[in-house]
Amino acid sequence: TLNQHKYIDVLQEDITKLLQKPDLQAAYARNMAIKLAEEIEGYLHSLHPGIDETLTFNASSATTIEASFLALRSWFARKKVPQNMPKAAFLNTTVIDKLLTIEKYSSGDYVRNSEAIEMGAIRRIYGINIFESQLIPTSGSPVTYHNIATTQYGIVLATRPMPLDGNGKGVRQTIMIDPNTGVAFRLTEGYSHGDLGSRFTIDVLYGAALVDETQVVEVEST
């Protein structure tokens, strides 16, 4: 069900500034889209209470981190997830920081690239793509992070382009589709006589749900 509608609205009262900097509108759109993308990501993470199974990720040492990743790999294997099916783990920054200190996961001698040093990024461990997120839900004290590991079938995100029925009614509307995710954003722009400025609005309609419980697992870390 597409039951989530989010928008961000910006008013630019300095029309001269807007005309002098033609890239300003694109900059507004980019920053606004990033904020909406964070809303979508946060909504996906909010589904974690509905996940049936939980693994514990012990990041206290290199040995426990290795054991935790092997346990995650084994979980997918026991669920009969094909070895070549893309898998992803969305992990809090505290976990990524510890991974970057372990030579096995960060050294070019092991992972055949230098992204860990150049970009602070860990790409793949035991067939699982690693993504860092600052939006992982937390609970309790000391804090517990509710990370998620999934395949493309564990969680589904659905979206569709919004109608452009405002064109010809005092505003101009266009659709922007993110090339990486396929998420469609609608940009509405026009002059607001009540606010004496140009108003820019980006909105998105989407929904998300857990689909296959055998393809997604919560990974708790502290």
Protein backbone atom coordinates (compact mmCIF):
# COMPACT_ATOMS: atom_id res chain seq x y z
CA THR A 1 0.00 0.00 0.00
CA LEU A 2 1.33 3.42 -0.96
CA ASN A 3 0.37 5.06 2.31
CA GLN A 4 3.31 7.40 2.95
CA HIS A 5 3.26 10.90 1.44
CA LYS A 6 6.12 13.21 2.41
CA TYR A 7 7.04 16.65 1.14
CA ILE A 8 9.50 19.48 1.73
CA ASP A 9 8.69 23.08 0.94
CA VAL A 10 11.17 25.95 0.44
CA LEU A 11 10.40 29.65 -0.10
CA GLN A 12 12.96 31.82 -1.90
CA GLU A 13 12.05 35.49 -1.46
CA ASP A 14 15.17 36.84 -3.17
CA ILE A 15 14.19 36.49 -6.83
CA THR A 16 17.30 38.34 -7.98
CA LYS A 17 19.51 35.78 -6.27
CA LEU A 18 17.55 33.01 -7.92
CA LEU A 19 17.99 34.54 -11.38
CA GLN A 20 21.69 35.25 -10.86
CA LYS A 21 22.41 31.65 -9.89
CA PRO A 22 20.68 29.33 -12.35
CA ASP A 23 22.05 26.27 -10.54
CA LEU A 24 20.39 27.32 -7.28
CA GLN A 25 17.14 25.58 -8.13
CA ALA A 26 18.97 22.32 -8.85
CA ALA A 27 20.81 22.66 -5.54
CA TYR A 28 17.50 23.15 -3.72
CA ALA A 29 16.03 20.10 -5.43
CA ARG A 30 19.05 17.94 -4.62
CA ASN A 31 19.12 18.86 -0.92
CA MET A 32 15.37 18.45 -0.59
CA ALA A 33 15.49 15.04 -2.28
CA ILE A 34 18.20 13.93 0.16
CA LYS A 35 15.96 14.83 3.11
CA LEU A 36 13.08 12.88 1.62
CA ALA A 37 15.37 9.91 0.94
CA GLU A 38 16.27 9.92 4.63
CA GLU A 39 12.56 9.83 5.47
CA ILE A 40 12.15 6.78 3.24
CA GLU A 41 15.19 5.03 4.72
CA GLY A 42 13.95 5.73 8.23
CA TYR A 43 10.57 4.23 7.36
CA LEU A 44 12.25 1.07 6.04
CA HIS A 45 14.20 0.70 9.28
CA SER A 46 11.01 1.23 11.31
CA LEU A 47 9.78 -2.14 10.02
CA HIS A 48 12.29 -4.00 12.21
CA PRO A 49 9.80 -4.94 15.00
CA GLY A 50 8.00 -7.14 12.48
CA ILE A 51 11.09 -9.21 11.64
CA ASP A 52 10.76 -12.71 13.11
CA GLU A 53 14.40 -13.63 13.73
CA THR A 54 17.27 -11.80 15.39
CA LEU A 55 21.02 -12.35 15.40
CA THR A 56 23.45 -10.76 17.84
CA PHE A 57 26.43 -8.93 16.38
CA ASN A 58 29.23 -8.85 18.93
CA ALA A 59 31.67 -6.13 17.90
CA SER A 60 33.83 -6.26 21.02
CA SER A 61 36.87 -7.73 19.24
CA ALA A 62 38.15 -8.86 15.85
CA THR A 63 37.40 -12.45 16.85
CA THR A 64 33.78 -11.80 17.83
CA ILE A 65 33.21 -9.66 14.72
CA GLU A 66 34.47 -12.51 12.54
CA ALA A 67 32.18 -14.97 14.34
CA SER A 68 29.22 -12.60 13.95
CA PHE A 69 29.70 -12.29 10.19
CA LEU A 70 30.04 -16.06 9.85
CA ALA A 71 26.80 -16.47 11.80
CA LEU A 72 25.07 -14.05 9.45
CA ARG A 73 26.42 -15.84 6.40
CA SER A 74 25.24 -19.16 7.87
CA TRP A 75 21.77 -17.72 8.56
CA PHE A 76 21.26 -16.93 4.87
CA ALA A 77 22.66 -20.35 3.91
CA ARG A 78 20.30 -22.19 6.27
CA LYS A 79 17.38 -20.25 4.79
CA LYS A 80 18.45 -21.61 1.38
CA VAL A 81 19.18 -18.17 -0.02
CA PRO A 82 21.18 -18.75 -3.24
CA GLN A 83 24.86 -17.97 -2.83
CA ASN A 84 24.87 -15.59 -5.81
CA MET A 85 21.77 -13.66 -4.68
CA PRO A 86 22.69 -10.11 -3.60
CA LYS A 87 22.56 -9.64 0.16
CA ALA A 88 22.92 -6.43 2.11
CA ALA A 89 23.56 -5.53 5.72
CA PHE A 90 22.67 -2.01 6.88
CA LEU A 91 24.87 -1.31 9.89
CA ASN A 92 25.25 1.54 12.34
CA THR A 93 28.35 3.72 12.18
CA THR A 94 29.71 2.21 15.41
CA VAL A 95 30.03 -1.17 13.69
CA ILE A 96 31.60 0.30 10.55
CA ASP A 97 34.14 2.20 12.63
CA LYS A 98 35.28 -1.05 14.24
CA LEU A 99 35.45 -2.85 10.89
CA LEU A 100 37.76 -0.16 9.55
CA THR A 101 40.26 -0.90 12.32
CA ILE A 102 40.55 -4.57 11.32
CA GLU A 103 43.12 -5.20 8.61
CA LYS A 104 41.28 -8.19 7.19
CA TYR A 105 38.31 -6.00 6.20
CA SER A 106 40.15 -2.81 5.28
CA SER A 107 43.55 -3.66 3.83
CA GLY A 108 43.98 -3.77 0.06
CA ASP A 109 46.04 -6.93 0.57
CA TYR A 110 42.85 -8.72 1.57
CA VAL A 111 39.98 -6.95 -0.20
CA ARG A 112 41.77 -5.99 -3.44
CA ASN A 113 40.87 -2.30 -3.25
CA SER A 114 41.77 0.76 -1.21
CA GLU A 115 38.26 2.12 -0.61
CA ALA A 116 38.43 1.47 3.12
CA ILE A 117 41.30 3.95 3.43
CA GLU A 118 40.27 6.35 0.67
CA MET A 119 36.52 6.47 1.36
CA GLY A 120 36.01 4.87 4.78
CA ALA A 121 33.83 2.23 3.11
CA ILE A 122 33.61 -1.53 3.64
CA ARG A 123 32.08 -3.08 0.51
CA ARG A 124 31.51 -6.82 0.98
CA ILE A 125 32.15 -9.48 3.59
CA TYR A 126 31.37 -13.15 2.97
CA GLY A 127 29.07 -12.28 0.06
CA ILE A 128 27.15 -9.64 2.02
CA ASN A 129 27.25 -6.04 0.79
CA ILE A 130 27.87 -3.63 3.66
CA PHE A 131 26.11 -0.26 3.92
CA GLU A 132 26.55 2.33 6.63
CA SER A 133 23.48 4.08 8.04
CA GLN A 134 23.01 6.79 10.64
CA LEU A 135 19.29 6.00 10.81
CA ILE A 136 19.41 2.60 12.52
CA PRO A 137 16.72 2.47 15.25
CA THR A 138 17.89 2.18 18.86
CA SER A 139 16.41 1.10 22.16
CA GLY A 140 17.37 0.67 25.80
CA SER A 141 20.31 1.73 27.92
CA PRO A 142 23.04 0.86 27.16
CA VAL A 143 21.84 1.44 23.63
CA THR A 144 21.02 -1.46 21.29
CA TYR A 145 21.12 -0.89 17.52
CA HIS A 146 18.54 -2.71 15.41
CA ASN A 147 20.49 -3.27 12.18
CA ILE A 148 18.97 -5.17 9.27
CA ALA A 149 20.34 -7.74 6.82
CA THR A 150 18.21 -8.68 3.84
CA THR A 151 17.98 -9.76 0.24
CA GLN A 152 15.99 -7.92 -2.40
CA TYR A 153 12.97 -10.04 -1.46
CA GLY A 154 13.00 -9.47 2.29
CA ILE A 155 11.63 -5.92 2.19
CA VAL A 156 9.85 -4.24 -0.69
CA LEU A 157 9.71 -0.50 -1.34
CA ALA A 158 7.06 0.67 -3.78
CA THR A 159 6.60 4.13 -5.25
CA ARG A 160 4.99 5.73 -8.27
CA PRO A 161 5.19 9.11 -10.02
CA MET A 162 2.70 11.66 -8.74
CA PRO A 163 0.29 13.32 -11.20
CA LEU A 164 1.32 16.56 -12.90
CA ASP A 165 -2.13 18.14 -12.65
CA GLY A 166 -0.74 21.49 -11.47
CA ASN A 167 0.72 22.38 -14.85
CA GLY A 168 -1.24 25.21 -16.42
CA LYS A 169 -2.67 26.24 -13.05
CA GLY A 170 -0.04 28.72 -12.01
CA VAL A 171 2.76 26.27 -11.20
CA ARG A 172 5.20 24.08 -13.13
CA GLN A 173 5.58 20.44 -12.20
CA THR A 174 8.14 17.83 -13.25
CA ILE A 175 9.03 14.28 -12.20
CA MET A 176 12.56 13.36 -11.12
CA ILE A 177 13.41 9.66 -10.90
CA ASP A 178 16.43 8.60 -8.89
CA PRO A 179 18.58 6.45 -11.21
CA ASN A 180 19.83 4.21 -8.39
CA THR A 181 16.57 3.39 -6.61
CA GLY A 182 13.83 4.22 -9.13
CA VAL A 183 12.06 6.40 -6.54
CA ALA A 184 10.02 9.13 -8.25
CA PHE A 185 9.96 12.64 -6.80
CA ARG A 186 7.62 15.42 -7.96
CA LEU A 187 8.96 18.98 -8.12
CA THR A 188 6.44 21.81 -8.01
CA GLU A 189 7.59 25.39 -8.49
CA GLY A 190 5.78 28.67 -8.83
CA TYR A 191 5.46 32.23 -7.56
CA SER A 192 3.50 32.62 -4.34
CA HIS A 193 1.81 36.03 -4.29
CA GLY A 194 0.89 35.55 -0.64
CA ASP A 195 4.54 35.03 0.35
CA LEU A 196 6.05 37.32 -2.31
CA GLY A 197 8.57 34.72 -3.39
CA SER A 198 9.20 31.58 -5.41
CA ARG A 199 8.10 28.41 -3.69
CA PHE A 200 9.64 25.01 -4.38
CA THR A 201 8.02 21.79 -3.18
CA ILE A 202 9.24 18.22 -3.60
CA ASP A 203 6.97 15.36 -2.60
CA VAL A 204 7.00 11.58 -2.89
CA LEU A 205 4.43 8.83 -2.47
CA TYR A 206 5.64 5.43 -1.29
CA GLY A 207 5.01 2.36 0.82
CA ALA A 208 7.09 -0.48 2.21
CA ALA A 209 6.48 -3.87 3.78
CA LEU A 210 8.18 -7.05 4.92
CA VAL A 211 7.63 -9.65 2.22
CA ASP A 212 9.60 -12.84 2.88
CA GLU A 213 10.62 -13.52 6.49
CA THR A 214 13.17 -16.08 5.33
CA GLN A 215 15.10 -13.37 3.52
CA VAL A 216 15.47 -10.73 6.23
CA VAL A 217 16.92 -10.80 9.74
CA GLU A 218 17.47 -8.22 12.46
CA VAL A 219 21.08 -7.88 13.57
CA GLU A 220 21.37 -6.40 17.05
CA SER A 221 24.57 -4.66 18.09
CA THR A 222 25.58 -2.56 21.08
